[in-house]
Amino acid sequence: KLIESSIPQSLWLEYAVKVMDKEHIQQQNYAQQVAQEIHVLKSLDHPSVSRLFAQFEDAKNIYAVLEYCPQGDIFGLIFESNSTVNM
């Protein structure tokens, strides 16, 4: 996409990119799971699930361009909340 120079950088949209190594996917037999994840993300439209904007690949990796979540993922939030509990 063309970046308009009149828009200040502070207003640019932010994205997260998930990079998946093809060699690792093949070694672990994850090809079906990765394909299923991409398919599910393409079909979902829910406020609690990061939106998939694009998916592409090169010789080494598969890339998924996702909605950026500044608060992090759910596992990070759960871990952080559990670590603040006094035992």
PDB file of N, CA and C in Angstrom:
ATOM      1  N   LYS A   1       0.833  -1.186   0.000  1.00  0.00           N
ATOM      2  CA  LYS A   1       0.000   0.000   0.000  1.00  0.00           C
ATOM      3  C   LYS A   1       0.873   1.243   0.000  1.00  0.00           C
ATOM      4  N   LEU A   2       0.353   2.294  -0.564  1.00  0.00           N
ATOM      5  CA  LEU A   2       1.042   3.571  -0.600  1.00  0.00           C
ATOM      6  C   LEU A   2       0.875   4.279   0.739  1.00  0.00           C
ATOM      7  N   ILE A   3       1.989   4.732   1.312  1.00  0.00           N
ATOM      8  CA  ILE A   3       1.936   5.484   2.565  1.00  0.00           C
ATOM      9  C   ILE A   3       1.823   6.957   2.218  1.00  0.00           C
ATOM     10  N   GLU A   4       0.791   7.583   2.716  1.00  0.00           N
ATOM     11  CA  GLU A   4       0.598   9.005   2.451  1.00  0.00           C
ATOM     12  C   GLU A   4       1.497   9.811   3.359  1.00  0.00           C
ATOM     13  N   SER A   5       2.328  10.645   2.753  1.00  0.00           N
ATOM     14  CA  SER A   5       3.283  11.419   3.541  1.00  0.00           C
ATOM     15  C   SER A   5       2.608  12.489   4.387  1.00  0.00           C
ATOM     16  N   SER A   6       1.353  12.787   4.100  1.00  0.00           N
ATOM     17  CA  SER A   6       0.656  13.809   4.881  1.00  0.00           C
ATOM     18  C   SER A   6       0.152  13.274   6.223  1.00  0.00           C
ATOM     19  N   ILE A   7       0.151  11.956   6.395  1.00  0.00           N
ATOM     20  CA  ILE A   7      -0.317  11.360   7.651  1.00  0.00           C
ATOM     21  C   ILE A   7       0.880  11.203   8.586  1.00  0.00           C
ATOM     22  N   PRO A   8       0.814  11.786   9.788  1.00  0.00           N
ATOM     23  CA  PRO A   8       1.935  11.653  10.715  1.00  0.00           C
ATOM     24  C   PRO A   8       2.122  10.204  11.156  1.00  0.00           C
ATOM     25  N   GLN A   9       3.359   9.817  11.393  1.00  0.00           N
ATOM     26  CA  GLN A   9       3.680   8.432  11.758  1.00  0.00           C
ATOM     27  C   GLN A   9       2.911   7.981  12.999  1.00  0.00           C
ATOM     28  N   SER A  10       2.603   8.887  13.898  1.00  0.00           N
ATOM     29  CA  SER A  10       1.877   8.515  15.118  1.00  0.00           C
ATOM     30  C   SER A  10       0.472   7.997  14.824  1.00  0.00           C
ATOM     31  N   LEU A  11      -0.052   8.255  13.628  1.00  0.00           N
ATOM     32  CA  LEU A  11      -1.394   7.798  13.256  1.00  0.00           C
ATOM     33  C   LEU A  11      -1.371   6.546  12.370  1.00  0.00           C
ATOM     34  N   TRP A  12      -0.178   6.040  12.053  1.00  0.00           N
ATOM     35  CA  TRP A  12      -0.093   4.831  11.237  1.00  0.00           C
ATOM     36  C   TRP A  12      -0.669   3.656  12.010  1.00  0.00           C
ATOM     37  N   LEU A  13      -1.315   2.760  11.313  1.00  0.00           N
ATOM     38  CA  LEU A  13      -1.841   1.534  11.936  1.00  0.00           C
ATOM     39  C   LEU A  13      -0.691   0.601  12.282  1.00  0.00           C
ATOM     40  N   GLU A  14      -0.851  -0.150  13.359  1.00  0.00           N
ATOM     41  CA  GLU A  14       0.162  -1.118  13.766  1.00  0.00           C
ATOM     42  C   GLU A  14      -0.382  -2.525  13.552  1.00  0.00           C
ATOM     43  N   TYR A  15       0.495  -3.409  13.139  1.00  0.00           N
ATOM     44  CA  TYR A  15       0.139  -4.800  12.897  1.00  0.00           C
ATOM     45  C   TYR A  15       1.126  -5.695  13.621  1.00  0.00           C
ATOM     46  N   ALA A  16       0.713  -6.918  13.901  1.00  0.00           N
ATOM     47  CA  ALA A  16       1.606  -7.953  14.423  1.00  0.00           C
ATOM     48  C   ALA A  16       1.843  -8.944  13.284  1.00  0.00           C
ATOM     49  N   VAL A  17       3.055  -9.457  13.192  1.00  0.00           N
ATOM     50  CA  VAL A  17       3.361 -10.449  12.163  1.00  0.00           C
ATOM     51  C   VAL A  17       3.848 -11.712  12.845  1.00  0.00           C
ATOM     52  N   LYS A  18       3.116 -12.782  12.622  1.00  0.00           N
ATOM     53  CA  LYS A  18       3.510 -14.094  13.141  1.00  0.00           C
ATOM     54  C   LYS A  18       4.337 -14.767  12.054  1.00  0.00           C
ATOM     55  N   VAL A  19       5.567 -15.139  12.395  1.00  0.00           N
ATOM     56  CA  VAL A  19       6.482 -15.770  11.444  1.00  0.00           C
ATOM     57  C   VAL A  19       6.620 -17.231  11.824  1.00  0.00           C
ATOM     58  N   MET A  20       6.300 -18.104  10.880  1.00  0.00           N
ATOM     59  CA  MET A  20       6.344 -19.542  11.132  1.00  0.00           C
ATOM     60  C   MET A  20       7.362 -20.182  10.198  1.00  0.00           C
ATOM     61  N   ASP A  21       8.362 -20.826  10.758  1.00  0.00           N
ATOM     62  CA  ASP A  21       9.443 -21.449  10.007  1.00  0.00           C
ATOM     63  C   ASP A  21       8.938 -22.725   9.329  1.00  0.00           C
ATOM     64  N   LYS A  22       9.042 -22.777   7.993  1.00  0.00           N
ATOM     65  CA  LYS A  22       8.534 -23.932   7.247  1.00  0.00           C
ATOM     66  C   LYS A  22       9.268 -25.222   7.598  1.00  0.00           C
ATOM     67  N   GLU A  23      10.578 -25.135   7.810  1.00  0.00           N
ATOM     68  CA  GLU A  23      11.342 -26.330   8.146  1.00  0.00           C
ATOM     69  C   GLU A  23      10.879 -26.906   9.483  1.00  0.00           C
ATOM     70  N   HIS A  24      10.653 -26.042  10.465  1.00  0.00           N
ATOM     71  CA  HIS A  24      10.169 -26.489  11.774  1.00  0.00           C
ATOM     72  C   HIS A  24       8.762 -27.091  11.644  1.00  0.00           C
ATOM     73  N   ILE A  25       7.926 -26.464  10.851  1.00  0.00           N
ATOM     74  CA  ILE A  25       6.565 -26.975  10.634  1.00  0.00           C
ATOM     75  C   ILE A  25       6.617 -28.390  10.070  1.00  0.00           C
ATOM     76  N   GLN A  26       7.499 -28.613   9.087  1.00  0.00           N
ATOM     77  CA  GLN A  26       7.619 -29.950   8.487  1.00  0.00           C
ATOM     78  C   GLN A  26       8.201 -30.952   9.480  1.00  0.00           C
ATOM     79  N   GLN A  27       9.236 -30.550  10.211  1.00  0.00           N
ATOM     80  CA  GLN A  27       9.871 -31.459  11.177  1.00  0.00           C
ATOM     81  C   GLN A  27       8.892 -31.913  12.259  1.00  0.00           C
ATOM     82  N   GLN A  28       8.017 -31.017  12.691  1.00  0.00           N
ATOM     83  CA  GLN A  28       7.077 -31.326  13.764  1.00  0.00           C
ATOM     84  C   GLN A  28       5.727 -31.844  13.261  1.00  0.00           C
ATOM     85  N   ASN A  29       5.600 -32.002  11.945  1.00  0.00           N
ATOM     86  CA  ASN A  29       4.340 -32.447  11.342  1.00  0.00           C
ATOM     87  C   ASN A  29       3.182 -31.502  11.659  1.00  0.00           C
ATOM     88  N   TYR A  30       3.430 -30.185  11.589  1.00  0.00           N
ATOM     89  CA  TYR A  30       2.433 -29.176  11.928  1.00  0.00           C
ATOM     90  C   TYR A  30       1.724 -28.577  10.709  1.00  0.00           C
ATOM     91  N   ALA A  31       1.986 -29.089   9.525  1.00  0.00           N
ATOM     92  CA  ALA A  31       1.434 -28.469   8.315  1.00  0.00           C
ATOM     93  C   ALA A  31      -0.090 -28.378   8.364  1.00  0.00           C
ATOM     94  N   GLN A  32      -0.742 -29.436   8.791  1.00  0.00           N
ATOM     95  CA  GLN A  32      -2.204 -29.431   8.850  1.00  0.00           C
ATOM     96  C   GLN A  32      -2.708 -28.425   9.886  1.00  0.00           C
ATOM     97  N   GLN A  33      -2.046 -28.336  11.034  1.00  0.00           N
ATOM     98  CA  GLN A  33      -2.467 -27.393  12.078  1.00  0.00           C
ATOM     99  C   GLN A  33      -2.282 -25.943  11.629  1.00  0.00           C
ATOM    100  N   VAL A  34      -1.184 -25.661  10.946  1.00  0.00           N
ATOM    101  CA  VAL A  34      -0.943 -24.300  10.453  1.00  0.00           C
ATOM    102  C   VAL A  34      -1.989 -23.931   9.411  1.00  0.00           C
ATOM    103  N   ALA A  35      -2.270 -24.835   8.489  1.00  0.00           N
ATOM    104  CA  ALA A  35      -3.292 -24.573   7.474  1.00  0.00           C
ATOM    105  C   ALA A  35      -4.657 -24.355   8.124  1.00  0.00           C
ATOM    106  N   GLN A  36      -4.970 -25.139   9.144  1.00  0.00           N
ATOM    107  CA  GLN A  36      -6.244 -24.993   9.846  1.00  0.00           C
ATOM    108  C   GLN A  36      -6.301 -23.654  10.589  1.00  0.00           C
ATOM    109  N   GLU A  37      -5.209 -23.267  11.235  1.00  0.00           N
ATOM    110  CA  GLU A  37      -5.175 -21.982  11.942  1.00  0.00           C
ATOM    111  C   GLU A  37      -5.431 -20.819  10.978  1.00  0.00           C
ATOM    112  N   ILE A  38      -4.760 -20.839   9.823  1.00  0.00           N
ATOM    113  CA  ILE A  38      -4.954 -19.787   8.825  1.00  0.00           C
ATOM    114  C   ILE A  38      -6.405 -19.781   8.349  1.00  0.00           C
ATOM    115  N   HIS A  39      -6.953 -20.950   8.076  1.00  0.00           N
ATOM    116  CA  HIS A  39      -8.345 -21.050   7.606  1.00  0.00           C
ATOM    117  C   HIS A  39      -9.317 -20.491   8.653  1.00  0.00           C
ATOM    118  N   VAL A  40      -9.130 -20.859   9.912  1.00  0.00           N
ATOM    119  CA  VAL A  40     -10.019 -20.393  10.977  1.00  0.00           C
ATOM    120  C   VAL A  40      -9.907 -18.883  11.147  1.00  0.00           C
ATOM    121  N   LEU A  41      -8.676 -18.364  11.176  1.00  0.00           N
ATOM    122  CA  LEU A  41      -8.498 -16.919  11.348  1.00  0.00           C
ATOM    123  C   LEU A  41      -9.110 -16.128  10.194  1.00  0.00           C
ATOM    124  N   LYS A  42      -9.032 -16.678   8.983  1.00  0.00           N
ATOM    125  CA  LYS A  42      -9.643 -15.996   7.827  1.00  0.00           C
ATOM    126  C   LYS A  42     -11.161 -15.921   7.962  1.00  0.00           C
ATOM    127  N   SER A  43     -11.759 -16.924   8.580  1.00  0.00           N
ATOM    128  CA  SER A  43     -13.217 -16.988   8.639  1.00  0.00           C
ATOM    129  C   SER A  43     -13.821 -16.319   9.878  1.00  0.00           C
ATOM    130  N   LEU A  44     -12.996 -16.053  10.900  1.00  0.00           N
ATOM    131  CA  LEU A  44     -13.528 -15.474  12.130  1.00  0.00           C
ATOM    132  C   LEU A  44     -13.654 -13.960  12.062  1.00  0.00           C
ATOM    133  N   ASP A  45     -14.695 -13.471  12.683  1.00  0.00           N
ATOM    134  CA  ASP A  45     -14.894 -12.034  12.855  1.00  0.00           C
ATOM    135  C   ASP A  45     -15.483 -11.847  14.243  1.00  0.00           C
ATOM    136  N   HIS A  46     -14.595 -11.697  15.235  1.00  0.00           N
ATOM    137  CA  HIS A  46     -15.029 -11.614  16.625  1.00  0.00           C
ATOM    138  C   HIS A  46     -14.122 -10.635  17.360  1.00  0.00           C
ATOM    139  N   PRO A  47     -14.682  -9.787  18.227  1.00  0.00           N
ATOM    140  CA  PRO A  47     -13.863  -8.784  18.914  1.00  0.00           C
ATOM    141  C   PRO A  47     -12.807  -9.374  19.855  1.00  0.00           C
ATOM    142  N   SER A  48     -12.942 -10.633  20.246  1.00  0.00           N
ATOM    143  CA  SER A  48     -11.972 -11.246  21.156  1.00  0.00           C
ATOM    144  C   SER A  48     -10.881 -12.034  20.429  1.00  0.00           C
ATOM    145  N   VAL A  49     -10.905 -12.013  19.104  1.00  0.00           N
ATOM    146  CA  VAL A  49      -9.918 -12.756  18.314  1.00  0.00           C
ATOM    147  C   VAL A  49      -9.219 -11.782  17.380  1.00  0.00           C
ATOM    148  N   SER A  50      -7.885 -11.821  17.363  1.00  0.00           N
ATOM    149  CA  SER A  50      -7.123 -10.959  16.454  1.00  0.00           C
ATOM    150  C   SER A  50      -7.517 -11.237  15.016  1.00  0.00           C
ATOM    151  N   ARG A  51      -7.720 -10.167  14.276  1.00  0.00           N
ATOM    152  CA  ARG A  51      -8.124 -10.281  12.879  1.00  0.00           C
ATOM    153  C   ARG A  51      -6.909 -10.582  11.997  1.00  0.00           C
ATOM    154  N   LEU A  52      -7.069 -11.486  11.061  1.00  0.00           N
ATOM    155  CA  LEU A  52      -6.022 -11.806  10.095  1.00  0.00           C
ATOM    156  C   LEU A  52      -6.206 -10.897   8.885  1.00  0.00           C
ATOM    157  N   PHE A  53      -5.213 -10.042   8.622  1.00  0.00           N
ATOM    158  CA  PHE A  53      -5.294  -9.112   7.494  1.00  0.00           C
ATOM    159  C   PHE A  53      -4.710  -9.707   6.218  1.00  0.00           C
ATOM    160  N   ALA A  54      -3.640 -10.487   6.367  1.00  0.00           N
ATOM    161  CA  ALA A  54      -2.985 -11.061   5.187  1.00  0.00           C
ATOM    162  C   ALA A  54      -2.159 -12.270   5.615  1.00  0.00           C
ATOM    163  N   GLN A  55      -1.910 -13.133   4.645  1.00  0.00           N
ATOM    164  CA  GLN A  55      -1.054 -14.296   4.863  1.00  0.00           C
ATOM    165  C   GLN A  55      -0.251 -14.478   3.591  1.00  0.00           C
ATOM    166  N   PHE A  56       1.064 -14.672   3.738  1.00  0.00           N
ATOM    167  CA  PHE A  56       1.914 -14.915   2.576  1.00  0.00           C
ATOM    168  C   PHE A  56       3.109 -15.739   3.021  1.00  0.00           C
ATOM    169  N   GLU A  57       3.894 -16.191   2.064  1.00  0.00           N
ATOM    170  CA  GLU A  57       5.042 -17.012   2.405  1.00  0.00           C
ATOM    171  C   GLU A  57       6.169 -16.786   1.417  1.00  0.00           C
ATOM    172  N   ASP A  58       7.372 -17.144   1.868  1.00  0.00           N
ATOM    173  CA  ASP A  58       8.531 -17.174   0.992  1.00  0.00           C
ATOM    174  C   ASP A  58       9.134 -18.570   1.111  1.00  0.00           C
ATOM    175  N   ALA A  59      10.334 -18.761   0.637  1.00  0.00           N
ATOM    176  CA  ALA A  59      10.941 -20.090   0.640  1.00  0.00           C
ATOM    177  C   ALA A  59      11.173 -20.622   2.053  1.00  0.00           C
ATOM    178  N   LYS A  60      11.360 -19.738   3.032  1.00  0.00           N
ATOM    179  CA  LYS A  60      11.724 -20.162   4.387  1.00  0.00           C
ATOM    180  C   LYS A  60      10.581 -20.086   5.399  1.00  0.00           C
ATOM    181  N   ASN A  61       9.698 -19.104   5.280  1.00  0.00           N
ATOM    182  CA  ASN A  61       8.695 -18.844   6.314  1.00  0.00           C
ATOM    183  C   ASN A  61       7.290 -18.649   5.755  1.00  0.00           C
ATOM    184  N   ILE A  62       6.324 -18.808   6.659  1.00  0.00           N
ATOM    185  CA  ILE A  62       4.939 -18.421   6.411  1.00  0.00           C
ATOM    186  C   ILE A  62       4.669 -17.239   7.332  1.00  0.00           C
ATOM    187  N   TYR A  63       4.040 -16.205   6.799  1.00  0.00           N
ATOM    188  CA  TYR A  63       3.790 -14.979   7.558  1.00  0.00           C
ATOM    189  C   TYR A  63       2.278 -14.757   7.681  1.00  0.00           C
ATOM    190  N   ALA A  64       1.845 -14.426   8.876  1.00  0.00           N
ATOM    191  CA  ALA A  64       0.448 -14.063   9.110  1.00  0.00           C
ATOM    192  C   ALA A  64       0.446 -12.644   9.676  1.00  0.00           C
ATOM    193  N   VAL A  65      -0.196 -11.716   8.970  1.00  0.00           N
ATOM    194  CA  VAL A  65      -0.286 -10.324   9.398  1.00  0.00           C
ATOM    195  C   VAL A  65      -1.583 -10.182  10.181  1.00  0.00           C
ATOM    196  N   LEU A  66      -1.450  -9.901  11.473  1.00  0.00           N
ATOM    197  CA  LEU A  66      -2.585  -9.890  12.391  1.00  0.00           C
ATOM    198  C   LEU A  66      -2.811  -8.521  12.999  1.00  0.00           C
ATOM    199  N   GLU A  67      -4.000  -8.352  13.520  1.00  0.00           N
ATOM    200  CA  GLU A  67      -4.319  -7.154  14.291  1.00  0.00           C
ATOM    201  C   GLU A  67      -3.381  -7.085  15.496  1.00  0.00           C
ATOM    202  N   TYR A  68      -2.803  -5.915  15.722  1.00  0.00           N
ATOM    203  CA  TYR A  68      -1.897  -5.720  16.853  1.00  0.00           C
ATOM    204  C   TYR A  68      -2.706  -5.524  18.131  1.00  0.00           C
ATOM    205  N   CYS A  69      -2.343  -6.258  19.171  1.00  0.00           N
ATOM    206  CA  CYS A  69      -3.003  -6.147  20.476  1.00  0.00           C
ATOM    207  C   CYS A  69      -1.997  -5.572  21.465  1.00  0.00           C
ATOM    208  N   PRO A  70      -2.085  -4.279  21.775  1.00  0.00           N
ATOM    209  CA  PRO A  70      -1.077  -3.641  22.621  1.00  0.00           C
ATOM    210  C   PRO A  70      -1.008  -4.207  24.040  1.00  0.00           C
ATOM    211  N   GLN A  71      -2.075  -4.843  24.506  1.00  0.00           N
ATOM    212  CA  GLN A  71      -2.064  -5.430  25.848  1.00  0.00           C
ATOM    213  C   GLN A  71      -1.437  -6.819  25.871  1.00  0.00           C
ATOM    214  N   GLY A  72      -1.074  -7.352  24.724  1.00  0.00           N
ATOM    215  CA  GLY A  72      -0.473  -8.682  24.650  1.00  0.00           C
ATOM    216  C   GLY A  72      -1.521  -9.750  24.420  1.00  0.00           C
ATOM    217  N   ASP A  73      -1.085 -11.002  24.508  1.00  0.00           N
ATOM    218  CA  ASP A  73      -2.015 -12.109  24.284  1.00  0.00           C
ATOM    219  C   ASP A  73      -2.642 -12.571  25.600  1.00  0.00           C
ATOM    220  N   ILE A  74      -3.621 -13.429  25.506  1.00  0.00           N
ATOM    221  CA  ILE A  74      -4.367 -13.871  26.674  1.00  0.00           C
ATOM    222  C   ILE A  74      -3.475 -14.650  27.644  1.00  0.00           C
ATOM    223  N   PHE A  75      -2.535 -15.437  27.106  1.00  0.00           N
ATOM    224  CA  PHE A  75      -1.662 -16.218  27.978  1.00  0.00           C
ATOM    225  C   PHE A  75      -0.760 -15.299  28.800  1.00  0.00           C
ATOM    226  N   GLY A  76      -0.277 -14.230  28.191  1.00  0.00           N
ATOM    227  CA  GLY A  76       0.535 -13.263  28.919  1.00  0.00           C
ATOM    228  C   GLY A  76      -0.249 -12.572  30.013  1.00  0.00           C
ATOM    229  N   LEU A  77      -1.492 -12.228  29.712  1.00  0.00           N
ATOM    230  CA  LEU A  77      -2.333 -11.585  30.718  1.00  0.00           C
ATOM    231  C   LEU A  77      -2.634 -12.522  31.886  1.00  0.00           C
ATOM    232  N   ILE A  78      -2.897 -13.789  31.579  1.00  0.00           N
ATOM    233  CA  ILE A  78      -3.164 -14.772  32.634  1.00  0.00           C
ATOM    234  C   ILE A  78      -1.920 -14.967  33.487  1.00  0.00           C
ATOM    235  N   PHE A  79      -0.771 -15.124  32.851  1.00  0.00           N
ATOM    236  CA  PHE A  79       0.475 -15.311  33.582  1.00  0.00           C
ATOM    237  C   PHE A  79       0.760 -14.109  34.476  1.00  0.00           C
ATOM    238  N   GLU A  80       0.581 -12.913  33.912  1.00  0.00           N
ATOM    239  CA  GLU A  80       0.843 -11.682  34.677  1.00  0.00           C
ATOM    240  C   GLU A  80      -0.109 -11.583  35.873  1.00  0.00           C
ATOM    241  N   SER A  81      -1.380 -11.890  35.671  1.00  0.00           N
ATOM    242  CA  SER A  81      -2.323 -11.792  36.787  1.00  0.00           C
ATOM    243  C   SER A  81      -2.038 -12.837  37.854  1.00  0.00           C
ATOM    244  N   ASN A  82      -1.598 -14.033  37.452  1.00  0.00           N
ATOM    245  CA  ASN A  82      -1.254 -15.071  38.431  1.00  0.00           C
ATOM    246  C   ASN A  82       0.016 -14.750  39.192  1.00  0.00           C
ATOM    247  N   SER A  83       0.949 -14.068  38.551  1.00  0.00           N
ATOM    248  CA  SER A  83       2.206 -13.756  39.230  1.00  0.00           C
ATOM    249  C   SER A  83       2.045 -12.643  40.265  1.00  0.00           C
ATOM    250  N   THR A  84       0.961 -11.904  40.182  1.00  0.00           N
ATOM    251  CA  THR A  84       0.737 -10.830  41.152  1.00  0.00           C
ATOM    252  C   THR A  84      -0.048 -11.292  42.373  1.00  0.00           C
ATOM    253  N   VAL A  85      -0.516 -12.543  42.343  1.00  0.00           N
ATOM    254  CA  VAL A  85      -1.258 -13.095  43.474  1.00  0.00           C
ATOM    255  C   VAL A  85      -0.263 -13.549  44.529  1.00  0.00           C
ATOM    256  N   ASN A  86      -0.449 -13.125  45.761  1.00  0.00           N
ATOM    257  CA  ASN A  86       0.433 -13.543  46.852  1.00  0.00           C
ATOM    258  C   ASN A  86       0.035 -14.920  47.354  1.00  0.00           C
ATOM    259  N   MET A  87       1.011 -15.772  47.499  1.00  0.00           N
ATOM    260  CA  MET A  87       0.728 -17.121  47.991  1.00  0.00           C
ATOM    261  C   MET A  87       1.292 -17.306  49.360  1.00  0.00           C
TER     262      MET A  87
END
